[in-house]
């Protein structure tokens, strides 16, 4: 891909990203209150997006469903869930422990 095409794509994506976030930014500046239902839905979006990325990787590591004792990713996910329950406001600890367990189990199993 040519450098000019790459730059055009980067600028275009930046503009699209900015334009999609602009309405919420303007809404937050006016200090208007969102309905409670909409506010709760917006709070859950990051969790849902994270789950949509993680669950297929854990449950389908080779492109097909593997819920077996030999699937290191399921064990690592369970450890990460346990750590996230123990440290509810931390994102770093569950990620670090889950990745560490996955690496160690992947080498052992």
PDB file of N, CA and C in Angstrom:
ATOM      1  N   UNK A   1       0.849  -1.173   0.000  1.00  0.00           N
ATOM      2  CA  UNK A   1       0.000   0.000   0.000  1.00  0.00           C
ATOM      3  C   UNK A   1       0.896   1.238   0.000  1.00  0.00           C
ATOM      4  N   UNK A   2       0.554   2.200  -0.788  1.00  0.00           N
ATOM      5  CA  UNK A   2       1.348   3.417  -0.894  1.00  0.00           C
ATOM      6  C   UNK A   2       1.222   4.248   0.382  1.00  0.00           C
ATOM      7  N   UNK A   3       2.250   5.050   0.623  1.00  0.00           N
ATOM      8  CA  UNK A   3       2.267   5.882   1.822  1.00  0.00           C
ATOM      9  C   UNK A   3       1.109   6.865   1.826  1.00  0.00           C
ATOM     10  N   UNK A   4       0.779   7.434   0.668  1.00  0.00           N
ATOM     11  CA  UNK A   4      -0.325   8.398   0.609  1.00  0.00           C
ATOM     12  C   UNK A   4      -1.659   7.724   0.924  1.00  0.00           C
ATOM     13  N   UNK A   5      -1.844   6.507   0.455  1.00  0.00           N
ATOM     14  CA  UNK A   5      -3.074   5.775   0.754  1.00  0.00           C
ATOM     15  C   UNK A   5      -3.165   5.466   2.239  1.00  0.00           C
ATOM     16  N   UNK A   6      -2.050   5.095   2.829  1.00  0.00           N
ATOM     17  CA  UNK A   6      -2.023   4.809   4.263  1.00  0.00           C
ATOM     18  C   UNK A   6      -2.370   6.051   5.064  1.00  0.00           C
ATOM     19  N   UNK A   7      -1.798   7.180   4.696  1.00  0.00           N
ATOM     20  CA  UNK A   7      -2.098   8.433   5.404  1.00  0.00           C
ATOM     21  C   UNK A   7      -3.564   8.825   5.245  1.00  0.00           C
ATOM     22  N   UNK A   8      -4.109   8.641   4.067  1.00  0.00           N
ATOM     23  CA  UNK A   8      -5.526   8.957   3.846  1.00  0.00           C
ATOM     24  C   UNK A   8      -6.401   8.058   4.719  1.00  0.00           C
ATOM     25  N   UNK A   9      -6.064   6.775   4.803  1.00  0.00           N
ATOM     26  CA  UNK A   9      -6.829   5.857   5.652  1.00  0.00           C
ATOM     27  C   UNK A   9      -6.731   6.243   7.124  1.00  0.00           C
ATOM     28  N   UNK A  10      -5.557   6.617   7.589  1.00  0.00           N
ATOM     29  CA  UNK A  10      -5.385   7.009   8.991  1.00  0.00           C
ATOM     30  C   UNK A  10      -6.182   8.264   9.297  1.00  0.00           C
ATOM     31  N   UNK A  11      -6.109   9.247   8.448  1.00  0.00           N
ATOM     32  CA  UNK A  11      -6.866  10.487   8.662  1.00  0.00           C
ATOM     33  C   UNK A  11      -8.366  10.216   8.581  1.00  0.00           C
ATOM     34  N   UNK A  12      -8.777   9.394   7.627  1.00  0.00           N
ATOM     35  CA  UNK A  12     -10.196   9.063   7.501  1.00  0.00           C
ATOM     36  C   UNK A  12     -10.725   8.355   8.740  1.00  0.00           C
ATOM     37  N   UNK A  13      -9.983   7.412   9.263  1.00  0.00           N
ATOM     38  CA  UNK A  13     -10.416   6.703  10.472  1.00  0.00           C
ATOM     39  C   UNK A  13     -10.429   7.633  11.683  1.00  0.00           C
ATOM     40  N   UNK A  14      -9.482   8.554  11.745  1.00  0.00           N
ATOM     41  CA  UNK A  14      -9.483   9.532  12.839  1.00  0.00           C
ATOM     42  C   UNK A  14     -10.729  10.406  12.774  1.00  0.00           C
ATOM     43  N   UNK A  15     -11.097  10.839  11.586  1.00  0.00           N
ATOM     44  CA  UNK A  15     -12.293  11.670  11.424  1.00  0.00           C
ATOM     45  C   UNK A  15     -13.541  10.876  11.805  1.00  0.00           C
ATOM     46  N   UNK A  16     -13.634   9.632  11.354  1.00  0.00           N
ATOM     47  CA  UNK A  16     -14.794   8.808  11.678  1.00  0.00           C
ATOM     48  C   UNK A  16     -14.883   8.577  13.192  1.00  0.00           C
ATOM     49  N   UNK A  17     -13.755   8.290  13.822  1.00  0.00           N
ATOM     50  CA  UNK A  17     -13.739   8.083  15.266  1.00  0.00           C
ATOM     51  C   UNK A  17     -14.175   9.340  15.999  1.00  0.00           C
ATOM     52  N   UNK A  18     -13.661  10.479  15.573  1.00  0.00           N
ATOM     53  CA  UNK A  18     -14.016  11.746  16.211  1.00  0.00           C
ATOM     54  C   UNK A  18     -15.501  12.049  16.034  1.00  0.00           C
ATOM     55  N   UNK A  19     -16.024  11.842  14.847  1.00  0.00           N
ATOM     56  CA  UNK A  19     -17.425  12.169  14.592  1.00  0.00           C
ATOM     57  C   UNK A  19     -18.386  11.251  15.352  1.00  0.00           C
ATOM     58  N   UNK A  20     -17.997  10.002  15.582  1.00  0.00           N
ATOM     59  CA  UNK A  20     -18.883   9.116  16.327  1.00  0.00           C
ATOM     60  C   UNK A  20     -18.872   9.423  17.822  1.00  0.00           C
ATOM     61  N   UNK A  21     -17.812  10.037  18.312  1.00  0.00           N
ATOM     62  CA  UNK A  21     -17.739  10.361  19.737  1.00  0.00           C
ATOM     63  C   UNK A  21     -18.208  11.771  20.051  1.00  0.00           C
ATOM     64  N   UNK A  22     -18.329  12.590  19.049  1.00  0.00           N
ATOM     65  CA  UNK A  22     -18.710  13.984  19.245  1.00  0.00           C
ATOM     66  C   UNK A  22     -20.077  14.165  19.907  1.00  0.00           C
ATOM     67  N   UNK A  23     -21.127  13.444  19.510  1.00  0.00           N
ATOM     68  CA  UNK A  23     -22.431  13.669  20.146  1.00  0.00           C
ATOM     69  C   UNK A  23     -22.419  13.425  21.665  1.00  0.00           C
ATOM     70  N   UNK A  24     -21.770  12.363  22.121  1.00  0.00           N
ATOM     71  CA  UNK A  24     -21.708  12.117  23.560  1.00  0.00           C
ATOM     72  C   UNK A  24     -20.862  13.156  24.277  1.00  0.00           C
ATOM     73  N   UNK A  25     -19.816  13.620  23.633  1.00  0.00           N
ATOM     74  CA  UNK A  25     -18.988  14.660  24.237  1.00  0.00           C
ATOM     75  C   UNK A  25     -19.799  15.951  24.396  1.00  0.00           C
ATOM     76  N   UNK A  26     -20.586  16.286  23.394  1.00  0.00           N
ATOM     77  CA  UNK A  26     -21.423  17.491  23.500  1.00  0.00           C
ATOM     78  C   UNK A  26     -22.508  17.313  24.552  1.00  0.00           C
ATOM     79  N   UNK A  27     -23.063  16.103  24.643  1.00  0.00           N
ATOM     80  CA  UNK A  27     -24.070  15.828  25.658  1.00  0.00           C
ATOM     81  C   UNK A  27     -23.499  15.981  27.066  1.00  0.00           C
ATOM     82  N   UNK A  28     -22.270  15.546  27.261  1.00  0.00           N
ATOM     83  CA  UNK A  28     -21.670  15.637  28.594  1.00  0.00           C
ATOM     84  C   UNK A  28     -21.315  17.064  28.960  1.00  0.00           C
ATOM     85  N   UNK A  29     -21.074  17.905  27.984  1.00  0.00           N
ATOM     86  CA  UNK A  29     -20.761  19.313  28.278  1.00  0.00           C
ATOM     87  C   UNK A  29     -21.979  20.097  28.742  1.00  0.00           C
ATOM     88  N   UNK A  30     -23.137  19.718  28.256  1.00  0.00           N
ATOM     89  CA  UNK A  30     -24.342  20.452  28.648  1.00  0.00           C
ATOM     90  C   UNK A  30     -24.825  20.034  30.032  1.00  0.00           C
ATOM     91  N   UNK A  31     -24.179  19.011  30.593  1.00  0.00           N
ATOM     92  CA  UNK A  31     -24.516  18.496  31.920  1.00  0.00           C
ATOM     93  C   UNK A  31     -25.977  18.047  32.020  1.00  0.00           C
ATOM     94  N   UNK A  32     -26.489  17.601  30.914  1.00  0.00           N
ATOM     95  CA  UNK A  32     -27.847  17.071  30.952  1.00  0.00           C
ATOM     96  C   UNK A  32     -27.802  15.641  31.484  1.00  0.00           C
ATOM     97  N   UNK A  33     -28.835  15.258  32.172  1.00  0.00           N
ATOM     98  CA  UNK A  33     -28.914  13.927  32.748  1.00  0.00           C
ATOM     99  C   UNK A  33     -29.496  12.958  31.723  1.00  0.00           C
ATOM    100  N   UNK A  34     -28.835  11.830  31.586  1.00  0.00           N
ATOM    101  CA  UNK A  34     -29.372  10.775  30.739  1.00  0.00           C
ATOM    102  C   UNK A  34     -30.392   9.982  31.543  1.00  0.00           C
ATOM    103  N   UNK A  35     -31.350   9.376  30.871  1.00  0.00           N
ATOM    104  CA  UNK A  35     -32.266   8.488  31.593  1.00  0.00           C
ATOM    105  C   UNK A  35     -31.482   7.361  32.272  1.00  0.00           C
ATOM    106  N   UNK A  36     -31.956   6.916  33.438  1.00  0.00           N
ATOM    107  CA  UNK A  36     -31.235   5.907  34.202  1.00  0.00           C
ATOM    108  C   UNK A  36     -31.023   4.617  33.406  1.00  0.00           C
ATOM    109  N   UNK A  37     -31.999   4.236  32.609  1.00  0.00           N
ATOM    110  CA  UNK A  37     -31.876   3.006  31.823  1.00  0.00           C
ATOM    111  C   UNK A  37     -30.730   3.137  30.825  1.00  0.00           C
ATOM    112  N   UNK A  38     -30.655   4.266  30.124  1.00  0.00           N
ATOM    113  CA  UNK A  38     -29.593   4.489  29.155  1.00  0.00           C
ATOM    114  C   UNK A  38     -28.235   4.573  29.850  1.00  0.00           C
ATOM    115  N   UNK A  39     -28.197   5.187  31.012  1.00  0.00           N
ATOM    116  CA  UNK A  39     -26.960   5.299  31.772  1.00  0.00           C
ATOM    117  C   UNK A  39     -26.446   3.918  32.174  1.00  0.00           C
ATOM    118  N   UNK A  40     -27.333   3.042  32.614  1.00  0.00           N
ATOM    119  CA  UNK A  40     -26.931   1.674  33.001  1.00  0.00           C
ATOM    120  C   UNK A  40     -26.449   0.879  31.798  1.00  0.00           C
ATOM    121  N   UNK A  41     -27.101   1.057  30.657  1.00  0.00           N
ATOM    122  CA  UNK A  41     -26.681   0.351  29.440  1.00  0.00           C
ATOM    123  C   UNK A  41     -25.282   0.809  29.030  1.00  0.00           C
ATOM    124  N   UNK A  42     -25.039   2.098  29.075  1.00  0.00           N
ATOM    125  CA  UNK A  42     -23.734   2.626  28.695  1.00  0.00           C
ATOM    126  C   UNK A  42     -22.636   2.174  29.651  1.00  0.00           C
ATOM    127  N   UNK A  43     -22.965   1.961  30.924  1.00  0.00           N
ATOM    128  CA  UNK A  43     -21.978   1.469  31.883  1.00  0.00           C
ATOM    129  C   UNK A  43     -21.549   0.044  31.554  1.00  0.00           C
ATOM    130  N   UNK A  44     -22.434  -0.748  30.965  1.00  0.00           N
ATOM    131  CA  UNK A  44     -22.152  -2.149  30.705  1.00  0.00           C
ATOM    132  C   UNK A  44     -21.441  -2.406  29.379  1.00  0.00           C
ATOM    133  N   UNK A  45     -21.346  -1.423  28.536  1.00  0.00           N
ATOM    134  CA  UNK A  45     -20.746  -1.627  27.211  1.00  0.00           C
ATOM    135  C   UNK A  45     -19.297  -2.093  27.286  1.00  0.00           C
ATOM    136  N   UNK A  46     -18.426  -1.495  28.106  1.00  0.00           N
ATOM    137  CA  UNK A  46     -17.048  -1.996  28.140  1.00  0.00           C
ATOM    138  C   UNK A  46     -16.957  -3.457  28.573  1.00  0.00           C
ATOM    139  N   UNK A  47     -17.758  -3.874  29.520  1.00  0.00           N
ATOM    140  CA  UNK A  47     -17.745  -5.262  29.976  1.00  0.00           C
ATOM    141  C   UNK A  47     -18.210  -6.184  28.859  1.00  0.00           C
ATOM    142  N   UNK A  48     -19.257  -5.782  28.168  1.00  0.00           N
ATOM    143  CA  UNK A  48     -19.780  -6.609  27.080  1.00  0.00           C
ATOM    144  C   UNK A  48     -18.782  -6.698  25.931  1.00  0.00           C
ATOM    145  N   UNK A  49     -18.123  -5.596  25.611  1.00  0.00           N
ATOM    146  CA  UNK A  49     -17.131  -5.620  24.532  1.00  0.00           C
ATOM    147  C   UNK A  49     -15.950  -6.504  24.907  1.00  0.00           C
ATOM    148  N   UNK A  50     -15.503  -6.421  26.148  1.00  0.00           N
ATOM    149  CA  UNK A  50     -14.402  -7.255  26.610  1.00  0.00           C
ATOM    150  C   UNK A  50     -14.788  -8.731  26.558  1.00  0.00           C
ATOM    151  N   UNK A  51     -15.999  -9.043  26.996  1.00  0.00           N
ATOM    152  CA  UNK A  51     -16.464 -10.435  26.968  1.00  0.00           C
ATOM    153  C   UNK A  51     -16.565 -10.947  25.533  1.00  0.00           C
ATOM    154  N   UNK A  52     -16.998 -10.108  24.619  1.00  0.00           N
ATOM    155  CA  UNK A  52     -17.121 -10.525  23.225  1.00  0.00           C
ATOM    156  C   UNK A  52     -15.760 -10.828  22.602  1.00  0.00           C
ATOM    157  N   UNK A  53     -14.726 -10.198  23.107  1.00  0.00           N
ATOM    158  CA  UNK A  53     -13.376 -10.463  22.609  1.00  0.00           C
ATOM    159  C   UNK A  53     -12.785 -11.701  23.278  1.00  0.00           C
ATOM    160  N   UNK A  54     -12.994 -11.847  24.583  1.00  0.00           N
ATOM    161  CA  UNK A  54     -12.319 -12.883  25.355  1.00  0.00           C
ATOM    162  C   UNK A  54     -12.976 -14.258  25.210  1.00  0.00           C
ATOM    163  N   UNK A  55     -14.294 -14.355  25.321  1.00  0.00           N
ATOM    164  CA  UNK A  55     -14.948 -15.658  25.352  1.00  0.00           C
ATOM    165  C   UNK A  55     -14.667 -16.532  24.130  1.00  0.00           C
ATOM    166  N   UNK A  56     -14.721 -16.020  22.912  1.00  0.00           N
ATOM    167  CA  UNK A  56     -14.388 -16.897  21.778  1.00  0.00           C
ATOM    168  C   UNK A  56     -12.946 -17.423  21.842  1.00  0.00           C
ATOM    169  N   UNK A  57     -12.022 -16.603  22.324  1.00  0.00           N
ATOM    170  CA  UNK A  57     -10.633 -17.047  22.428  1.00  0.00           C
ATOM    171  C   UNK A  57     -10.464 -18.125  23.487  1.00  0.00           C
ATOM    172  N   UNK A  58     -11.232 -18.040  24.560  1.00  0.00           N
ATOM    173  CA  UNK A  58     -11.120 -19.012  25.645  1.00  0.00           C
ATOM    174  C   UNK A  58     -11.811 -20.317  25.267  1.00  0.00           C
ATOM    175  N   UNK A  59     -13.009 -20.217  24.744  1.00  0.00           N
ATOM    176  CA  UNK A  59     -13.804 -21.409  24.478  1.00  0.00           C
ATOM    177  C   UNK A  59     -13.523 -22.045  23.118  1.00  0.00           C
ATOM    178  N   UNK A  60     -12.956 -21.284  22.196  1.00  0.00           N
ATOM    179  CA  UNK A  60     -12.663 -21.816  20.868  1.00  0.00           C
ATOM    180  C   UNK A  60     -11.234 -21.464  20.445  1.00  0.00           C
ATOM    181  N   UNK A  61     -10.226 -21.973  21.161  1.00  0.00           N
ATOM    182  CA  UNK A  61      -8.851 -21.577  20.853  1.00  0.00           C
ATOM    183  C   UNK A  61      -8.352 -22.050  19.490  1.00  0.00           C
ATOM    184  N   UNK A  62      -8.872 -23.127  18.982  1.00  0.00           N
ATOM    185  CA  UNK A  62      -8.431 -23.650  17.681  1.00  0.00           C
ATOM    186  C   UNK A  62      -9.512 -23.545  16.616  1.00  0.00           C
ATOM    187  N   UNK A  63     -10.472 -22.677  16.840  1.00  0.00           N
ATOM    188  CA  UNK A  63     -11.542 -22.504  15.866  1.00  0.00           C
ATOM    189  C   UNK A  63     -12.752 -23.375  16.096  1.00  0.00           C
ATOM    190  N   UNK A  64     -12.674 -24.283  17.051  1.00  0.00           N
ATOM    191  CA  UNK A  64     -13.838 -25.097  17.400  1.00  0.00           C
ATOM    192  C   UNK A  64     -13.911 -25.187  18.923  1.00  0.00           C
ATOM    193  N   UNK A  65     -15.105 -25.392  19.430  1.00  0.00           N
ATOM    194  CA  UNK A  65     -15.345 -25.357  20.872  1.00  0.00           C
ATOM    195  C   UNK A  65     -14.589 -26.462  21.578  1.00  0.00           C
ATOM    196  N   UNK A  66     -13.823 -26.060  22.604  1.00  0.00           N
ATOM    197  CA  UNK A  66     -13.051 -27.004  23.407  1.00  0.00           C
ATOM    198  C   UNK A  66     -13.258 -26.713  24.884  1.00  0.00           C
ATOM    199  N   UNK A  67     -14.277 -27.327  25.475  1.00  0.00           N
ATOM    200  CA  UNK A  67     -14.490 -27.187  26.915  1.00  0.00           C
ATOM    201  C   UNK A  67     -14.053 -28.508  27.539  1.00  0.00           C
ATOM    202  N   UNK A  68     -12.759 -28.633  27.708  1.00  0.00           N
ATOM    203  CA  UNK A  68     -12.155 -29.841  28.260  1.00  0.00           C
ATOM    204  C   UNK A  68     -11.165 -29.457  29.343  1.00  0.00           C
ATOM    205  N   UNK A  69     -10.779 -30.443  30.135  1.00  0.00           N
ATOM    206  CA  UNK A  69      -9.783 -30.202  31.179  1.00  0.00           C
ATOM    207  C   UNK A  69      -8.424 -29.855  30.581  1.00  0.00           C
ATOM    208  N   UNK A  70      -8.186 -30.241  29.341  1.00  0.00           N
ATOM    209  CA  UNK A  70      -6.899 -29.949  28.706  1.00  0.00           C
ATOM    210  C   UNK A  70      -6.821 -28.557  28.088  1.00  0.00           C
ATOM    211  N   UNK A  71      -7.919 -27.816  28.115  1.00  0.00           N
ATOM    212  CA  UNK A  71      -7.920 -26.453  27.580  1.00  0.00           C
ATOM    213  C   UNK A  71      -7.361 -25.508  28.637  1.00  0.00           C
ATOM    214  N   UNK A  72      -6.108 -25.095  28.464  1.00  0.00           N
ATOM    215  CA  UNK A  72      -5.431 -24.236  29.430  1.00  0.00           C
ATOM    216  C   UNK A  72      -6.113 -22.876  29.558  1.00  0.00           C
ATOM    217  N   UNK A  73      -6.744 -22.413  28.486  1.00  0.00           N
ATOM    218  CA  UNK A  73      -7.368 -21.098  28.503  1.00  0.00           C
ATOM    219  C   UNK A  73      -8.594 -21.046  29.416  1.00  0.00           C
ATOM    220  N   UNK A  74      -9.319 -22.163  29.507  1.00  0.00           N
ATOM    221  CA  UNK A  74     -10.470 -22.205  30.416  1.00  0.00           C
ATOM    222  C   UNK A  74      -9.989 -22.104  31.860  1.00  0.00           C
ATOM    223  N   UNK A  75      -8.927 -22.825  32.210  1.00  0.00           N
ATOM    224  CA  UNK A  75      -8.384 -22.748  33.571  1.00  0.00           C
ATOM    225  C   UNK A  75      -7.845 -21.352  33.868  1.00  0.00           C
ATOM    226  N   UNK A  76      -7.169 -20.759  32.899  1.00  0.00           N
ATOM    227  CA  UNK A  76      -6.644 -19.412  33.096  1.00  0.00           C
ATOM    228  C   UNK A  76      -7.785 -18.406  33.271  1.00  0.00           C
ATOM    229  N   UNK A  77      -8.858 -18.583  32.518  1.00  0.00           N
ATOM    230  CA  UNK A  77     -10.010 -17.690  32.661  1.00  0.00           C
ATOM    231  C   UNK A  77     -10.658 -17.849  34.023  1.00  0.00           C
ATOM    232  N   UNK A  78     -10.752 -19.080  34.510  1.00  0.00           N
ATOM    233  CA  UNK A  78     -11.332 -19.302  35.841  1.00  0.00           C
ATOM    234  C   UNK A  78     -10.474 -18.655  36.931  1.00  0.00           C
ATOM    235  N   UNK A  79      -9.159 -18.769  36.800  1.00  0.00           N
ATOM    236  CA  UNK A  79      -8.266 -18.106  37.766  1.00  0.00           C
ATOM    237  C   UNK A  79      -8.442 -16.592  37.688  1.00  0.00           C
ATOM    238  N   UNK A  80      -8.526 -16.055  36.485  1.00  0.00           N
ATOM    239  CA  UNK A  80      -8.706 -14.612  36.315  1.00  0.00           C
ATOM    240  C   UNK A  80     -10.032 -14.146  36.914  1.00  0.00           C
ATOM    241  N   UNK A  81     -11.085 -14.939  36.765  1.00  0.00           N
ATOM    242  CA  UNK A  81     -12.378 -14.591  37.377  1.00  0.00           C
ATOM    243  C   UNK A  81     -12.254 -14.589  38.891  1.00  0.00           C
ATOM    244  N   UNK A  82     -11.570 -15.589  39.443  1.00  0.00           N
ATOM    245  CA  UNK A  82     -11.356 -15.632  40.891  1.00  0.00           C
ATOM    246  C   UNK A  82     -10.585 -14.435  41.399  1.00  0.00           C
ATOM    247  N   UNK A  83      -9.548 -14.048  40.679  1.00  0.00           N
ATOM    248  CA  UNK A  83      -8.761 -12.874  41.088  1.00  0.00           C
ATOM    249  C   UNK A  83      -9.600 -11.606  40.959  1.00  0.00           C
ATOM    250  N   UNK A  84     -10.430 -11.522  39.933  1.00  0.00           N
ATOM    251  CA  UNK A  84     -11.258 -10.321  39.775  1.00  0.00           C
ATOM    252  C   UNK A  84     -12.320 -10.222  40.861  1.00  0.00           C
ATOM    253  N   UNK A  85     -12.756 -11.356  41.391  1.00  0.00           N
ATOM    254  CA  UNK A  85     -13.691 -11.332  42.518  1.00  0.00           C
ATOM    255  C   UNK A  85     -12.962 -10.887  43.785  1.00  0.00           C
ATOM    256  N   UNK A  86     -11.721 -11.353  43.941  1.00  0.00           N
ATOM    257  CA  UNK A  86     -10.938 -10.985  45.121  1.00  0.00           C
ATOM    258  C   UNK A  86     -10.506  -9.526  45.085  1.00  0.00           C
ATOM    259  N   UNK A  87     -10.234  -9.003  43.894  1.00  0.00           N
ATOM    260  CA  UNK A  87      -9.805  -7.606  43.731  1.00  0.00           C
ATOM    261  C   UNK A  87     -10.733  -6.928  42.725  1.00  0.00           C
ATOM    262  N   UNK A  88     -11.940  -6.531  43.168  1.00  0.00           N
ATOM    263  CA  UNK A  88     -12.977  -6.106  42.218  1.00  0.00           C
ATOM    264  C   UNK A  88     -12.677  -4.840  41.420  1.00  0.00           C
ATOM    265  N   UNK A  89     -11.858  -3.959  41.893  1.00  0.00           N
ATOM    266  CA  UNK A  89     -11.615  -2.700  41.176  1.00  0.00           C
ATOM    267  C   UNK A  89     -10.340  -2.724  40.343  1.00  0.00           C
ATOM    268  N   UNK A  90      -9.711  -3.871  40.229  1.00  0.00           N
ATOM    269  CA  UNK A  90      -8.448  -3.959  39.508  1.00  0.00           C
ATOM    270  C   UNK A  90      -8.625  -4.714  38.204  1.00  0.00           C
ATOM    271  N   UNK A  91      -8.060  -4.189  37.141  1.00  0.00           N
ATOM    272  CA  UNK A  91      -8.056  -4.882  35.863  1.00  0.00           C
ATOM    273  C   UNK A  91      -6.706  -5.542  35.612  1.00  0.00           C
ATOM    274  N   UNK A  92      -5.663  -4.978  36.197  1.00  0.00           N
ATOM    275  CA  UNK A  92      -4.312  -5.467  35.948  1.00  0.00           C
ATOM    276  C   UNK A  92      -4.095  -6.862  36.532  1.00  0.00           C
ATOM    277  N   UNK A  93      -4.489  -7.074  37.789  1.00  0.00           N
ATOM    278  CA  UNK A  93      -4.230  -8.364  38.441  1.00  0.00           C
ATOM    279  C   UNK A  93      -4.906  -9.535  37.752  1.00  0.00           C
ATOM    280  N   UNK A  94      -6.179  -9.453  37.399  1.00  0.00           N
ATOM    281  CA  UNK A  94      -6.773 -10.591  36.669  1.00  0.00           C
ATOM    282  C   UNK A  94      -6.092 -10.855  35.327  1.00  0.00           C
ATOM    283  N   UNK A  95      -5.716  -9.796  34.604  1.00  0.00           N
ATOM    284  CA  UNK A  95      -5.040  -9.986  33.319  1.00  0.00           C
ATOM    285  C   UNK A  95      -3.675 -10.634  33.489  1.00  0.00           C
ATOM    286  N   UNK A  96      -2.913 -10.147  34.460  1.00  0.00           N
ATOM    287  CA  UNK A  96      -1.568 -10.696  34.683  1.00  0.00           C
ATOM    288  C   UNK A  96      -1.643 -12.152  35.137  1.00  0.00           C
ATOM    289  N   UNK A  97      -2.504 -12.436  36.099  1.00  0.00           N
ATOM    290  CA  UNK A  97      -2.589 -13.818  36.590  1.00  0.00           C
ATOM    291  C   UNK A  97      -3.172 -14.753  35.531  1.00  0.00           C
ATOM    292  N   UNK A  98      -4.174 -14.307  34.814  1.00  0.00           N
ATOM    293  CA  UNK A  98      -4.751 -15.133  33.756  1.00  0.00           C
ATOM    294  C   UNK A  98      -3.747 -15.446  32.665  1.00  0.00           C
ATOM    295  N   UNK A  99      -3.006 -14.445  32.220  1.00  0.00           N
ATOM    296  CA  UNK A  99      -1.980 -14.669  31.187  1.00  0.00           C
ATOM    297  C   UNK A  99      -0.868 -15.580  31.696  1.00  0.00           C
ATOM    298  N   UNK A 100      -0.448 -15.370  32.941  1.00  0.00           N
ATOM    299  CA  UNK A 100       0.605 -16.206  33.521  1.00  0.00           C
ATOM    300  C   UNK A 100       0.162 -17.663  33.612  1.00  0.00           C
ATOM    301  N   UNK A 101      -1.046 -17.886  34.109  1.00  0.00           N
ATOM    302  CA  UNK A 101      -1.565 -19.253  34.215  1.00  0.00           C
ATOM    303  C   UNK A 101      -1.694 -19.881  32.829  1.00  0.00           C
ATOM    304  N   UNK A 102      -2.152 -19.122  31.852  1.00  0.00           N
ATOM    305  CA  UNK A 102      -2.294 -19.664  30.494  1.00  0.00           C
ATOM    306  C   UNK A 102      -0.935 -20.062  29.925  1.00  0.00           C
ATOM    307  N   UNK A 103       0.071 -19.239  30.137  1.00  0.00           N
ATOM    308  CA  UNK A 103       1.410 -19.551  29.621  1.00  0.00           C
ATOM    309  C   UNK A 103       1.973 -20.789  30.297  1.00  0.00           C
ATOM    310  N   UNK A 104       1.865 -20.841  31.637  1.00  0.00           N
ATOM    311  CA  UNK A 104       2.405 -21.981  32.371  1.00  0.00           C
ATOM    312  C   UNK A 104       1.668 -23.262  31.991  1.00  0.00           C
ATOM    313  N   UNK A 105       0.350 -23.232  31.973  1.00  0.00           N
ATOM    314  CA  UNK A 105      -0.414 -24.430  31.629  1.00  0.00           C
ATOM    315  C   UNK A 105      -0.213 -24.855  30.170  1.00  0.00           C
ATOM    316  N   UNK A 106      -0.037 -23.877  29.301  1.00  0.00           N
ATOM    317  CA  UNK A 106       0.188 -24.200  27.893  1.00  0.00           C
ATOM    318  C   UNK A 106       1.507 -24.952  27.717  1.00  0.00           C
ATOM    319  N   UNK A 107       2.485 -24.617  28.539  1.00  0.00           N
ATOM    320  CA  UNK A 107       3.762 -25.324  28.485  1.00  0.00           C
ATOM    321  C   UNK A 107       3.673 -26.704  29.127  1.00  0.00           C
ATOM    322  N   UNK A 108       2.859 -26.832  30.176  1.00  0.00           N
ATOM    323  CA  UNK A 108       2.745 -28.091  30.914  1.00  0.00           C
ATOM    324  C   UNK A 108       1.841 -29.082  30.197  1.00  0.00           C
ATOM    325  N   UNK A 109       0.707 -28.613  29.704  1.00  0.00           N
ATOM    326  CA  UNK A 109      -0.296 -29.506  29.100  1.00  0.00           C
ATOM    327  C   UNK A 109       0.064 -29.825  27.663  1.00  0.00           C
TER     328      UNK A 109
END
